[in-house]
N, C-alpha and C. Protein backbone atom coordinates (compact mmCIF):
# COMPACT_ATOMS: atom_id res chain seq x y z
N MET A 1 -20.14 -111.14 69.92
CA MET A 1 -19.49 -111.11 68.14
C MET A 1 -18.43 -110.55 67.08
N ASN A 2 -17.81 -111.54 65.95
CA ASN A 2 -16.70 -111.90 65.70
C ASN A 2 -16.85 -110.69 64.28
N GLU A 3 -15.97 -110.10 63.28
CA GLU A 3 -15.48 -108.31 63.34
C GLU A 3 -16.65 -108.37 62.07
N ASP A 4 -16.87 -109.32 61.66
CA ASP A 4 -17.65 -108.90 60.26
C ASP A 4 -19.38 -109.52 60.78
N ASN A 5 -19.60 -109.40 62.45
CA ASN A 5 -20.94 -109.39 62.59
C ASN A 5 -20.93 -110.75 61.81
N LYS A 6 -20.71 -111.99 62.01
CA LYS A 6 -21.07 -113.10 61.21
C LYS A 6 -20.94 -114.46 62.40
N GLU A 7 -21.90 -115.10 63.43
CA GLU A 7 -22.28 -116.12 64.06
C GLU A 7 -22.56 -117.15 63.80
N PHE A 8 -22.13 -118.36 63.70
CA PHE A 8 -23.01 -119.52 63.23
C PHE A 8 -23.38 -120.84 64.77
N ILE A 9 -24.46 -121.19 64.43
CA ILE A 9 -24.80 -122.33 65.53
C ILE A 9 -24.96 -123.67 63.94
N ILE A 10 -24.45 -124.51 64.26
CA ILE A 10 -24.94 -125.73 63.80
C ILE A 10 -26.05 -126.10 64.07
N ILE A 11 -27.15 -126.84 63.29
CA ILE A 11 -27.20 -128.08 63.91
C ILE A 11 -26.93 -129.50 63.37
N SER A 12 -26.61 -130.12 63.09
CA SER A 12 -27.41 -131.01 62.27
C SER A 12 -27.17 -133.01 62.70
N GLY A 13 -27.30 -133.79 62.04
CA GLY A 13 -27.79 -135.31 63.20
C GLY A 13 -28.54 -135.60 60.93
N THR A 14 -28.67 -137.04 61.76
CA THR A 14 -29.40 -137.98 60.16
C THR A 14 -30.81 -137.28 60.41
N PRO A 15 -31.46 -137.23 58.93
CA PRO A 15 -32.78 -137.34 58.61
C PRO A 15 -33.47 -137.18 59.94
N GLY A 16 -34.22 -137.04 60.15
CA GLY A 16 -35.58 -137.96 61.23
C GLY A 16 -35.27 -137.52 63.05
N THR A 17 -34.12 -137.26 63.12
CA THR A 17 -34.04 -136.72 64.55
C THR A 17 -34.00 -135.68 65.53
N GLY A 18 -34.74 -134.56 64.04
CA GLY A 18 -35.18 -133.82 64.63
C GLY A 18 -34.96 -131.97 64.05
N LYS A 19 -33.94 -131.44 63.82
CA LYS A 19 -33.31 -130.44 62.86
C LYS A 19 -33.78 -129.90 62.91
N SER A 20 -34.77 -129.97 62.17
CA SER A 20 -35.70 -128.67 61.78
C SER A 20 -37.06 -128.38 62.29
N SER A 21 -37.06 -128.99 63.49
CA SER A 21 -38.00 -128.33 64.83
C SER A 21 -37.31 -127.71 65.46
N ILE A 22 -36.30 -128.40 65.52
CA ILE A 22 -35.28 -127.84 66.69
C ILE A 22 -34.51 -126.31 66.24
N GLY A 23 -34.45 -126.47 65.18
CA GLY A 23 -33.51 -125.79 64.48
C GLY A 23 -34.92 -124.37 64.52
N LYS A 24 -36.04 -125.03 64.41
CA LYS A 24 -36.97 -123.37 64.23
C LYS A 24 -37.47 -122.17 65.64
N ILE A 25 -37.72 -124.17 66.46
CA ILE A 25 -37.62 -123.42 68.26
C ILE A 25 -36.94 -122.51 69.02
N LEU A 26 -35.41 -123.23 67.98
CA LEU A 26 -34.79 -122.48 68.64
C LEU A 26 -34.56 -121.06 68.17
N SER A 27 -34.45 -120.75 67.23
CA SER A 27 -33.95 -119.96 66.30
C SER A 27 -35.38 -118.33 66.93
N GLU A 28 -36.21 -119.26 67.11
CA GLU A 28 -37.40 -118.29 67.84
C GLU A 28 -37.12 -117.71 69.03
N GLU A 29 -36.39 -118.44 70.29
CA GLU A 29 -36.08 -118.68 71.41
C GLU A 29 -34.85 -117.59 71.68
N ILE A 30 -33.62 -117.68 69.98
CA ILE A 30 -32.68 -116.73 70.38
C ILE A 30 -33.32 -115.49 69.66
N ASN A 31 -33.79 -115.31 69.33
CA ASN A 31 -34.12 -114.25 68.07
C ASN A 31 -33.21 -113.94 66.97
N CYS A 32 -33.18 -115.54 66.19
CA CYS A 32 -31.40 -115.29 64.54
C CYS A 32 -32.41 -115.99 63.51
N LYS A 33 -32.16 -116.08 62.33
CA LYS A 33 -32.60 -116.38 61.63
C LYS A 33 -32.15 -117.54 61.41
N TYR A 34 -32.64 -118.85 60.54
CA TYR A 34 -32.31 -120.09 60.36
C TYR A 34 -32.45 -120.86 58.65
N ILE A 35 -31.12 -121.33 58.70
CA ILE A 35 -31.54 -121.33 57.12
C ILE A 35 -31.39 -122.99 57.19
N GLU A 36 -31.88 -123.58 56.33
CA GLU A 36 -31.92 -125.42 56.29
C GLU A 36 -31.14 -125.10 54.63
N VAL A 37 -30.02 -125.74 55.27
CA VAL A 37 -28.68 -125.86 54.24
C VAL A 37 -29.71 -126.42 52.44
N SER A 38 -30.34 -127.81 52.22
CA SER A 38 -30.61 -128.81 51.53
C SER A 38 -31.58 -127.67 50.38
N GLU A 39 -31.98 -126.56 51.67
CA GLU A 39 -33.20 -125.54 51.29
C GLU A 39 -32.44 -125.09 50.00
N PHE A 40 -32.06 -124.59 50.89
CA PHE A 40 -31.45 -122.87 50.32
C PHE A 40 -30.44 -123.15 49.31
N ALA A 41 -29.76 -124.28 49.10
CA ALA A 41 -28.87 -124.85 47.57
C ALA A 41 -30.26 -125.72 46.81
N ILE A 42 -31.02 -125.20 46.78
CA ILE A 42 -31.89 -125.97 45.78
C ILE A 42 -32.33 -124.38 44.99
N LYS A 43 -32.84 -123.69 46.21
CA LYS A 43 -33.38 -122.36 45.53
C LYS A 43 -32.66 -121.40 45.17
N LYS A 44 -31.41 -121.72 45.17
CA LYS A 44 -30.05 -121.27 44.66
C LYS A 44 -29.66 -121.51 43.11
N GLY A 45 -29.71 -122.97 43.10
CA GLY A 45 -30.29 -123.74 42.23
C GLY A 45 -28.08 -123.76 42.30
N LEU A 46 -27.61 -124.15 43.20
CA LEU A 46 -26.53 -124.69 43.04
C LEU A 46 -26.54 -125.91 43.94
N VAL A 47 -26.88 -127.01 43.21
CA VAL A 47 -27.13 -128.51 43.05
C VAL A 47 -27.15 -128.32 41.34
N VAL A 48 -26.73 -129.67 41.19
CA VAL A 48 -26.31 -130.61 39.96
C VAL A 48 -27.17 -132.37 40.14
N PRO A 49 -27.70 -132.96 39.58
CA PRO A 49 -27.86 -133.51 39.10
C PRO A 49 -26.42 -134.90 39.71
N ASP A 50 -27.14 -136.07 40.61
CA ASP A 50 -25.94 -137.09 41.14
C ASP A 50 -25.49 -138.26 40.43
N GLU A 51 -24.13 -138.38 39.66
CA GLU A 51 -23.82 -138.64 38.22
C GLU A 51 -23.90 -140.51 38.79
N THR A 52 -23.74 -140.62 39.87
CA THR A 52 -24.10 -141.87 39.87
C THR A 52 -25.16 -142.85 39.63
N GLY A 53 -26.45 -141.86 39.48
CA GLY A 53 -27.47 -141.96 38.69
C GLY A 53 -28.97 -142.01 39.57
N ARG A 54 -28.46 -141.91 40.79
CA ARG A 54 -29.18 -141.98 41.99
C ARG A 54 -29.88 -140.90 41.65
N ASN A 55 -31.88 -140.99 42.35
CA ASN A 55 -32.15 -140.02 42.70
C ASN A 55 -31.83 -138.67 43.44
N THR A 56 -31.29 -137.96 43.57
CA THR A 56 -30.91 -137.02 44.09
C THR A 56 -30.09 -136.39 43.28
N TYR A 57 -29.24 -135.20 44.24
CA TYR A 57 -28.53 -134.24 44.21
C TYR A 57 -26.75 -133.77 44.80
N VAL A 58 -25.83 -133.36 44.04
CA VAL A 58 -24.90 -132.90 44.85
C VAL A 58 -25.04 -131.82 45.39
N ILE A 59 -24.34 -130.83 46.06
CA ILE A 59 -23.84 -129.59 46.08
C ILE A 59 -22.92 -129.21 45.97
N LYS A 60 -23.23 -127.75 44.94
CA LYS A 60 -21.97 -126.62 44.99
C LYS A 60 -21.60 -126.54 46.27
N GLU A 61 -20.61 -127.00 46.89
CA GLU A 61 -20.36 -126.80 48.29
C GLU A 61 -19.44 -124.84 49.03
N GLU A 62 -18.61 -124.49 47.74
CA GLU A 62 -18.13 -123.75 47.62
C GLU A 62 -19.14 -122.70 47.27
N GLU A 63 -19.72 -122.92 45.98
CA GLU A 63 -20.89 -121.23 45.66
C GLU A 63 -21.70 -121.45 46.33
N LEU A 64 -22.39 -122.68 47.21
CA LEU A 64 -23.35 -122.53 48.37
C LEU A 64 -22.63 -121.53 49.95
N LYS A 65 -21.18 -122.04 50.41
CA LYS A 65 -20.60 -121.04 51.19
C LYS A 65 -20.97 -120.06 51.33
N GLU A 66 -20.38 -119.36 50.14
CA GLU A 66 -19.90 -118.07 49.51
C GLU A 66 -21.64 -117.45 50.30
N GLU A 67 -22.66 -118.07 49.21
CA GLU A 67 -23.94 -117.47 49.34
C GLU A 67 -24.50 -117.38 50.84
N ILE A 68 -23.68 -118.40 51.59
CA ILE A 68 -24.31 -118.07 52.92
C ILE A 68 -24.16 -117.09 53.56
N LEU A 69 -22.84 -117.22 53.56
CA LEU A 69 -22.06 -115.82 54.29
C LEU A 69 -22.32 -114.44 53.30
N LYS A 70 -22.80 -114.57 52.40
CA LYS A 70 -22.89 -113.00 51.69
C LYS A 70 -24.66 -112.84 52.29
N GLU A 71 -25.36 -114.05 51.90
CA GLU A 71 -27.21 -113.92 53.68
C GLU A 71 -26.82 -113.76 54.89
N SER A 72 -26.01 -113.76 55.91
CA SER A 72 -25.78 -113.94 56.96
C SER A 72 -25.74 -112.48 58.09
N ASN A 73 -26.11 -112.33 58.76
CA ASN A 73 -25.96 -110.96 59.48
C ASN A 73 -26.23 -111.40 60.92
N GLY A 74 -25.51 -110.90 61.88
CA GLY A 74 -24.89 -111.64 63.63
C GLY A 74 -25.54 -112.94 63.35
N LEU A 75 -26.17 -113.71 64.37
CA LEU A 75 -25.80 -114.71 64.46
C LEU A 75 -27.28 -115.64 63.76
N THR A 76 -26.95 -116.56 63.26
CA THR A 76 -27.67 -117.66 61.70
C THR A 76 -27.31 -119.29 62.47
N ILE A 77 -28.13 -119.76 62.50
CA ILE A 77 -28.35 -121.09 62.56
C ILE A 77 -28.38 -121.81 60.90
N LEU A 78 -27.08 -122.64 60.74
CA LEU A 78 -27.45 -123.39 59.76
C LEU A 78 -28.14 -124.78 60.05
N ILE A 79 -28.53 -125.24 59.46
CA ILE A 79 -29.57 -126.55 59.67
C ILE A 79 -28.94 -127.87 58.48
N THR A 80 -28.02 -128.73 58.45
CA THR A 80 -27.42 -128.77 58.05
C THR A 80 -26.85 -131.31 58.33
N HIS A 81 -26.71 -131.81 57.17
CA HIS A 81 -26.79 -133.14 57.11
C HIS A 81 -25.59 -133.44 57.26
N TYR A 82 -24.21 -131.92 56.72
CA TYR A 82 -22.51 -132.13 56.43
C TYR A 82 -22.26 -130.90 57.55
N PRO A 83 -22.34 -131.17 58.87
CA PRO A 83 -21.71 -129.97 58.54
C PRO A 83 -19.40 -130.06 58.75
N ASP A 84 -19.31 -131.18 58.53
CA ASP A 84 -17.86 -131.20 58.36
C ASP A 84 -17.90 -129.79 57.18
N VAL A 85 -19.09 -130.38 55.99
CA VAL A 85 -18.08 -128.70 54.83
C VAL A 85 -18.59 -127.34 55.80
N PHE A 86 -18.93 -127.26 57.08
CA PHE A 86 -18.56 -126.28 57.32
C PHE A 86 -17.53 -125.61 58.33
N LEU A 87 -17.53 -126.78 58.96
CA LEU A 87 -16.23 -126.64 60.53
C LEU A 87 -14.96 -126.75 59.38
N ASP A 88 -14.86 -127.80 58.21
CA ASP A 88 -13.25 -128.03 57.89
C ASP A 88 -13.60 -126.36 57.38
N ASP A 89 -14.15 -125.21 56.50
CA ASP A 89 -13.30 -123.98 55.93
C ASP A 89 -13.34 -122.89 57.63
N ASP A 90 -12.14 -122.25 57.46
CA ASP A 90 -12.34 -121.34 58.70
C ASP A 90 -13.19 -120.46 58.66
N ARG A 91 -13.54 -120.09 57.90
CA ARG A 91 -14.09 -118.68 58.10
C ARG A 91 -15.38 -118.90 58.62
N PHE A 92 -16.44 -120.69 58.71
CA PHE A 92 -16.90 -120.70 59.89
C PHE A 92 -16.84 -121.75 61.06
N TYR A 93 -15.91 -122.25 60.87
CA TYR A 93 -15.49 -122.70 61.91
C TYR A 93 -14.99 -121.44 62.97
N PHE A 94 -14.09 -120.49 62.81
CA PHE A 94 -14.35 -120.00 63.82
C PHE A 94 -15.62 -118.56 64.30
N ASN A 95 -15.87 -118.94 63.57
CA ASN A 95 -17.19 -118.17 63.62
C ASN A 95 -18.71 -118.54 63.78
N THR A 96 -18.00 -120.53 64.45
CA THR A 96 -19.27 -120.79 65.30
C THR A 96 -19.48 -121.10 66.51
N ALA A 97 -20.18 -120.66 67.24
CA ALA A 97 -20.55 -120.90 68.61
C ALA A 97 -20.44 -122.12 69.82
N PHE A 98 -21.15 -123.55 68.21
CA PHE A 98 -21.60 -124.47 69.02
C PHE A 98 -22.13 -125.94 68.26
N VAL A 99 -21.69 -126.44 67.86
CA VAL A 99 -22.09 -127.43 66.89
C VAL A 99 -23.74 -127.87 67.85
N LEU A 100 -24.51 -128.43 67.40
CA LEU A 100 -25.88 -129.41 68.05
C LEU A 100 -25.85 -130.12 67.30
N LEU A 101 -25.58 -131.77 67.64
CA LEU A 101 -25.73 -132.97 66.78
C LEU A 101 -26.99 -133.72 67.29
N LEU A 102 -27.98 -133.99 66.68
CA LEU A 102 -29.38 -134.85 67.30
C LEU A 102 -28.82 -136.82 66.82
N ARG A 103 -28.99 -137.14 68.21
CA ARG A 103 -28.31 -138.47 68.20
C ARG A 103 -30.24 -139.27 68.06
N THR A 104 -30.78 -139.55 67.79
CA THR A 104 -31.96 -140.88 67.67
C THR A 104 -31.36 -142.68 67.85
N ASN A 105 -32.24 -143.65 69.08
CA ASN A 105 -32.02 -144.76 68.20
C ASN A 105 -32.03 -144.64 67.41
N PRO A 106 -31.97 -145.92 66.38
CA PRO A 106 -31.99 -146.16 65.35
C PRO A 106 -32.88 -147.15 64.68
N LEU A 107 -33.76 -147.77 65.86
CA LEU A 107 -35.07 -148.46 65.75
C LEU A 107 -36.10 -147.42 66.26
N ILE A 108 -35.90 -146.47 66.94
CA ILE A 108 -37.28 -145.57 66.61
C ILE A 108 -37.19 -144.26 65.38
N LEU A 109 -35.66 -143.79 65.18
CA LEU A 109 -35.63 -143.62 63.82
C LEU A 109 -36.29 -144.04 62.36
N MET A 110 -36.07 -145.71 62.38
CA MET A 110 -36.88 -146.26 61.26
C MET A 110 -37.79 -146.04 61.67
N LYS A 111 -38.77 -145.80 62.51
CA LYS A 111 -40.25 -145.64 62.94
C LYS A 111 -40.15 -143.88 62.14
N ARG A 112 -39.95 -143.67 62.70
CA ARG A 112 -39.90 -142.04 62.29
C ARG A 112 -39.60 -141.62 60.60
N LEU A 113 -38.73 -142.71 60.29
CA LEU A 113 -38.94 -142.19 58.41
C LEU A 113 -40.16 -142.96 58.25
N GLU A 114 -40.67 -144.22 58.04
CA GLU A 114 -41.35 -144.80 57.74
C GLU A 114 -43.02 -144.02 58.18
N ASN A 115 -43.03 -143.46 58.98
CA ASN A 115 -43.55 -142.35 59.20
C ASN A 115 -44.19 -140.63 57.69
N LYS A 116 -42.83 -140.57 57.61
CA LYS A 116 -42.63 -139.52 56.64
C LYS A 116 -42.82 -140.23 55.35
N GLY A 117 -42.79 -141.74 55.13
CA GLY A 117 -43.24 -142.28 53.88
C GLY A 117 -42.04 -142.32 52.53
N TRP A 118 -41.55 -142.96 53.27
CA TRP A 118 -39.74 -143.10 52.65
C TRP A 118 -40.05 -144.54 51.97
N ASN A 119 -39.05 -144.76 50.92
CA ASN A 119 -39.02 -146.01 50.90
C ASN A 119 -38.07 -147.37 51.23
N HIS A 120 -38.48 -147.74 51.48
CA HIS A 120 -37.15 -149.35 52.85
C HIS A 120 -36.00 -148.57 52.02
N LYS A 121 -35.26 -148.37 50.76
CA LYS A 121 -34.04 -148.38 50.76
C LYS A 121 -33.84 -147.51 51.37
N LYS A 122 -34.68 -146.32 51.19
CA LYS A 122 -33.92 -144.92 52.25
C LYS A 122 -33.68 -144.92 53.34
N ILE A 123 -35.01 -145.86 53.56
CA ILE A 123 -34.86 -145.70 55.32
C ILE A 123 -33.82 -145.95 55.83
N SER A 124 -33.64 -147.52 55.12
CA SER A 124 -32.05 -148.84 55.29
C SER A 124 -31.15 -147.49 55.40
N GLU A 125 -30.66 -146.37 54.26
CA GLU A 125 -29.63 -146.28 54.19
C GLU A 125 -29.69 -145.04 55.28
N ASN A 126 -30.34 -144.78 55.91
CA ASN A 126 -30.38 -143.13 57.06
C ASN A 126 -30.01 -143.90 57.81
N VAL A 127 -31.19 -145.04 58.72
CA VAL A 127 -30.93 -145.27 59.74
C VAL A 127 -29.24 -145.95 60.36
N LEU A 128 -29.30 -146.72 58.55
CA LEU A 128 -27.79 -147.12 59.34
C LEU A 128 -26.39 -146.39 59.09
N ALA A 129 -26.57 -145.07 58.76
CA ALA A 129 -25.44 -143.88 58.80
C ALA A 129 -26.02 -144.06 60.46
N GLU A 130 -27.00 -143.27 60.88
CA GLU A 130 -26.85 -143.69 62.35
C GLU A 130 -26.36 -144.45 62.95
N ALA A 131 -26.53 -145.71 63.12
CA ALA A 131 -26.35 -146.52 63.44
C ALA A 131 -25.02 -146.91 63.13
N PHE A 132 -24.22 -146.36 62.55
CA PHE A 132 -22.89 -146.30 62.31
C PHE A 132 -21.95 -145.04 63.27
N ASN A 133 -23.24 -144.03 63.15
CA ASN A 133 -22.76 -143.22 63.64
C ASN A 133 -21.78 -141.84 62.37
N THR A 134 -22.59 -142.62 61.21
CA THR A 134 -20.89 -141.29 60.26
C THR A 134 -21.12 -140.08 60.93
N ILE A 135 -22.46 -139.30 61.18
CA ILE A 135 -22.33 -137.47 61.18
C ILE A 135 -21.14 -137.64 62.26
N ALA A 136 -21.33 -137.99 63.13
CA ALA A 136 -20.78 -138.18 63.89
C ALA A 136 -19.18 -138.14 64.08
N GLU A 137 -18.92 -138.98 63.25
CA GLU A 137 -17.62 -139.97 62.69
C GLU A 137 -16.41 -138.91 62.22
N ASP A 138 -17.75 -137.91 61.42
CA ASP A 138 -16.94 -137.23 60.17
C ASP A 138 -16.61 -135.74 61.01
N ILE A 139 -17.54 -135.64 62.71
CA ILE A 139 -16.62 -134.14 62.84
C ILE A 139 -16.49 -133.98 64.00
N TYR A 140 -15.63 -135.59 64.31
CA TYR A 140 -15.50 -135.82 65.75
C TYR A 140 -14.41 -135.10 66.59
N ASP A 141 -13.04 -134.53 65.58
CA ASP A 141 -12.24 -133.42 65.55
C ASP A 141 -12.25 -132.05 66.04
N TYR A 142 -13.70 -132.32 66.11
CA TYR A 142 -13.98 -130.85 66.58
C TYR A 142 -15.08 -130.79 67.45
N ASN A 143 -15.12 -132.51 68.46
CA ASN A 143 -15.37 -133.11 69.70
C ASN A 143 -16.02 -132.19 70.61
N ASP A 144 -14.64 -130.77 70.89
CA ASP A 144 -14.95 -129.67 72.53
C ASP A 144 -16.33 -128.52 71.87
N MET A 145 -16.34 -128.53 70.77
CA MET A 145 -17.66 -127.26 70.70
C MET A 145 -18.77 -127.88 70.16
N ILE A 146 -18.67 -129.76 70.29
CA ILE A 146 -20.10 -130.59 70.15
C ILE A 146 -21.20 -130.69 71.54
N ILE A 147 -22.36 -130.26 71.15
CA ILE A 147 -23.40 -130.73 72.11
C ILE A 147 -24.71 -131.47 71.92
N GLU A 148 -23.81 -133.25 72.17
CA GLU A 148 -24.38 -133.67 71.26
C GLU A 148 -26.20 -134.72 72.78
N ILE A 149 -27.07 -133.99 72.17
CA ILE A 149 -28.32 -134.29 72.25
C ILE A 149 -29.72 -135.97 72.02
N ASP A 150 -29.71 -136.99 72.95
CA ASP A 150 -30.35 -137.72 72.24
C ASP A 150 -32.00 -137.55 72.00
N THR A 151 -32.28 -137.29 71.19
CA THR A 151 -33.83 -136.62 70.72
C THR A 151 -34.53 -138.17 70.48
N THR A 152 -34.58 -139.73 70.69
CA THR A 152 -35.18 -140.72 71.42
C THR A 152 -36.83 -140.27 71.90
N ASN A 153 -36.47 -139.68 72.94
CA ASN A 153 -37.40 -140.05 74.33
C ASN A 153 -38.06 -138.32 74.59
N ILE A 154 -37.47 -137.40 73.66
CA ILE A 154 -37.79 -135.68 73.79
C ILE A 154 -38.85 -134.97 72.90
N LYS A 155 -39.97 -134.44 73.19
CA LYS A 155 -40.25 -133.81 72.19
C LYS A 155 -39.88 -132.44 71.95
N PRO A 156 -39.53 -131.57 70.64
CA PRO A 156 -38.35 -130.85 69.97
C PRO A 156 -38.84 -129.85 71.11
N GLU A 157 -39.56 -129.45 71.33
CA GLU A 157 -40.04 -128.06 72.29
C GLU A 157 -39.15 -128.61 74.14
N ASP A 158 -38.69 -129.30 74.53
CA ASP A 158 -38.11 -129.76 75.46
C ASP A 158 -36.98 -129.52 75.50
N SER A 159 -36.50 -129.84 73.55
CA SER A 159 -34.57 -130.05 73.97
C SER A 159 -34.50 -128.46 74.25
N LEU A 160 -35.10 -127.70 74.44
CA LEU A 160 -34.45 -126.02 74.63
C LEU A 160 -33.23 -126.01 75.86
N GLY A 161 -34.81 -127.20 77.26
CA GLY A 161 -33.74 -126.55 78.49
C GLY A 161 -32.30 -127.91 78.51
N ILE A 162 -32.71 -128.86 77.47
CA ILE A 162 -31.23 -129.53 78.03
C ILE A 162 -30.04 -128.82 77.10
N ILE A 163 -30.15 -128.48 76.37
CA ILE A 163 -29.31 -127.92 75.34
C ILE A 163 -28.81 -126.42 76.41
N PHE A 164 -29.69 -126.11 76.79
CA PHE A 164 -29.56 -124.39 77.64
C PHE A 164 -28.20 -125.49 79.02
N ASP A 165 -29.02 -126.60 80.00
CA ASP A 165 -28.48 -126.47 80.60
C ASP A 165 -27.11 -127.47 80.22
N LYS A 166 -26.86 -127.78 78.88
CA LYS A 166 -25.36 -128.35 78.53
C LYS A 166 -24.43 -127.39 78.67
N ILE A 167 -24.38 -126.31 77.74
CA ILE A 167 -23.88 -124.83 77.82
C ILE A 167 -23.54 -124.41 78.76
N THR A 168 -24.80 -124.61 80.11
CA THR A 168 -24.32 -124.17 81.32
C THR A 168 -23.32 -125.02 81.53
N SER A 169 -23.50 -126.20 81.87
CA SER A 169 -22.62 -127.11 82.47
C SER A 169 -21.09 -127.24 81.54
N LEU A 170 -21.36 -126.79 80.97
CA LEU A 170 -19.85 -126.85 79.41
C LEU A 170 -19.87 -128.53 79.10
N ASP A 171 -20.96 -129.55 78.86
CA ASP A 171 -20.77 -130.52 78.21
C ASP A 171 -21.20 -130.76 77.41
N PHE A 172 -19.55 -130.88 76.44
CA PHE A 172 -19.82 -130.87 75.13
C PHE A 172 -18.77 -132.80 75.17
N GLY A 173 -19.06 -132.30 73.52
CA GLY A 173 -18.41 -134.00 73.12
C GLY A 173 -19.53 -135.12 72.96
N ILE A 174 -18.68 -135.93 71.74
CA ILE A 174 -19.90 -136.86 71.75
C ILE A 174 -19.07 -137.70 72.34
N LYS A 175 -20.90 -138.95 72.83
CA LYS A 175 -20.52 -139.69 74.12
C LYS A 175 -21.40 -141.26 73.75
N ILE A 176 -22.73 -140.88 72.45
CA ILE A 176 -23.43 -141.92 72.24
C ILE A 176 -22.16 -142.89 71.15
N ASN A 177 -23.13 -143.74 70.58
CA ASN A 177 -22.32 -145.31 70.35
C ASN A 177 -23.27 -146.12 70.31
N TRP A 178 -23.67 -145.66 68.96
CA TRP A 178 -25.34 -147.26 69.50
C TRP A 178 -24.21 -148.55 68.66
N LEU A 179 -23.09 -148.35 68.02
CA LEU A 179 -22.48 -149.64 67.96
C LEU A 179 -22.52 -150.42 69.12
N ILE A 180 -22.41 -150.04 70.75
CA ILE A 180 -22.17 -150.66 71.56
C ILE A 180 -23.56 -151.05 72.21
N ASP A 181 -24.47 -150.44 71.49
CA ASP A 181 -25.60 -151.46 72.10
C ASP A 181 -25.97 -153.23 71.61
N GLU A 182 -26.00 -153.97 72.75
CA GLU A 182 -26.16 -155.21 71.91
C GLU A 182 -27.74 -155.12 71.73
N SER A 183 -28.16 -155.10 72.19
CA SER A 183 -29.39 -154.84 71.67
C SER A 183 -30.06 -154.75 69.97
N LEU A 184 -29.21 -153.34 69.64
CA LEU A 184 -29.13 -153.05 68.52
C LEU A 184 -28.21 -154.34 67.66
N VAL A 185 -27.42 -154.80 67.44
CA VAL A 185 -27.14 -155.56 66.77
C VAL A 185 -27.63 -156.64 66.18
N ASN A 186 -28.74 -157.24 65.79
CA ASN A 186 -29.61 -158.13 65.27
C ASN A 186 -30.50 -156.97 64.35
N PHE A 187 -30.92 -156.23 64.54
CA PHE A 187 -31.37 -154.83 63.47
C PHE A 187 -29.87 -154.13 62.52
N ILE A 188 -29.36 -154.19 63.22
CA ILE A 188 -28.16 -153.18 62.35
C ILE A 188 -27.65 -154.44 61.38
N SER A 189 -27.69 -155.16 61.50
CA SER A 189 -27.09 -156.69 60.81
C SER A 189 -28.40 -157.07 59.88
N SER A 190 -29.31 -156.86 59.96
CA SER A 190 -30.34 -156.86 59.22
C SER A 190 -30.58 -156.26 58.68
N LEU A 191 -30.40 -154.84 58.37
CA LEU A 191 -30.22 -153.95 57.84
C LEU A 191 -28.98 -154.00 56.35
N VAL A 192 -27.83 -154.32 56.95
CA VAL A 192 -27.26 -155.01 56.32
C VAL A 192 -27.75 -155.64 55.22
N ASP A 193 -28.24 -156.80 55.76
CA ASP A 193 -28.56 -157.51 54.17
C ASP A 193 -29.34 -157.33 53.51
N ARG A 194 -30.74 -155.75 54.11
CA ARG A 194 -31.56 -155.47 53.37
C ARG A 194 -30.54 -154.77 52.04
N ILE A 195 -30.38 -154.04 52.61
CA ILE A 195 -28.79 -153.10 51.45
C ILE A 195 -28.22 -153.64 50.46
N ASN A 196 -27.50 -154.75 51.26
CA ASN A 196 -26.78 -155.58 49.84
C ASN A 196 -28.12 -156.30 49.46
N LEU A 197 -29.26 -156.30 49.83
CA LEU A 197 -29.97 -157.15 48.88
C LEU A 197 -30.07 -156.68 47.38
N ASN A 198 -31.11 -155.11 48.78
CA ASN A 198 -31.13 -153.90 47.01
C ASN A 198 -30.67 -153.55 46.31
N TYR A 199 -28.58 -153.32 46.57
CA TYR A 199 -27.69 -153.57 45.22
C TYR A 199 -27.41 -154.50 44.72
N ASN A 200 -28.46 -155.63 45.26
CA ASN A 200 -27.86 -156.76 44.03
C ASN A 200 -29.20 -156.82 42.93
N GLY A 201 -30.14 -155.65 43.66
CA GLY A 201 -31.27 -155.60 42.17
C GLY A 201 -32.41 -156.82 42.79
N VAL A 202 -32.07 -156.61 43.81
CA VAL A 202 -33.78 -157.54 44.80
C VAL A 202 -34.43 -157.28 45.65
N GLY A 203 -35.71 -156.85 45.22
CA GLY A 203 -36.48 -155.77 47.06
C GLY A 203 -36.39 -154.43 46.24
N ASP A 204 -37.03 -153.80 46.27
CA ASP A 204 -37.44 -152.46 45.66
C ASP A 204 -36.73 -151.61 45.61
C-alpha cells in the first residue's frame, strides 16, 4: 500500500458490459469499498446540466476527484465510463493497481441495453461507442496496466476466475478490436445510418 494508504482498481466499459455487477462481486471477494463514480458525483452535487441541451449532465471532474480522494482509505474500486479522467491524474495513476476493461460484442450489448428499456438513440450511441472501441482508445497509453475481459458469454460471477488468472499470468493489454470482425461491419454501418437519421430529426 502507498504512503497515503490509498490504492485503486478502476473498472470501466460501455454501459451494459457488466461494470456494476462485476465491481460488486470483486469488492466482496477482496473485501474493499467500491464507488460508482457517476452516482457518487450526483449524490455529492458535483454535476451540471449538459449545455448541448441533451438530457444528461457534465461532471465537475476536479471536485469529484478531490471528494473521492477524501473518502478513499485502503483499496477502493472505482466504477466509471471515463477511466482516463483518473489515469491522467498522477494521484490516481501511481496508486492504481490495474484497470479492468470490460468488453461486449456490440450485437449482444444492444440486446442488453434494449432489456434496460433505453430508447433507440441512446442504445445506438452506446453500442457504437463499444463497436468503435472508444474507451479502449482513450486509455490505450496505459495498455500495460489494463486487464481486458470479454463479458459477451460469461456470467458476472464467472469473471473473478478470469481476472485472477490474467493477473497471475501477467496477461495485460487491449486486444479486442470489433472493427476487424467482418460479421459486424453491416451491423455497425446500419447503426451509423440510424444515428445520422436521428440527428437530422428523423426517428425517435
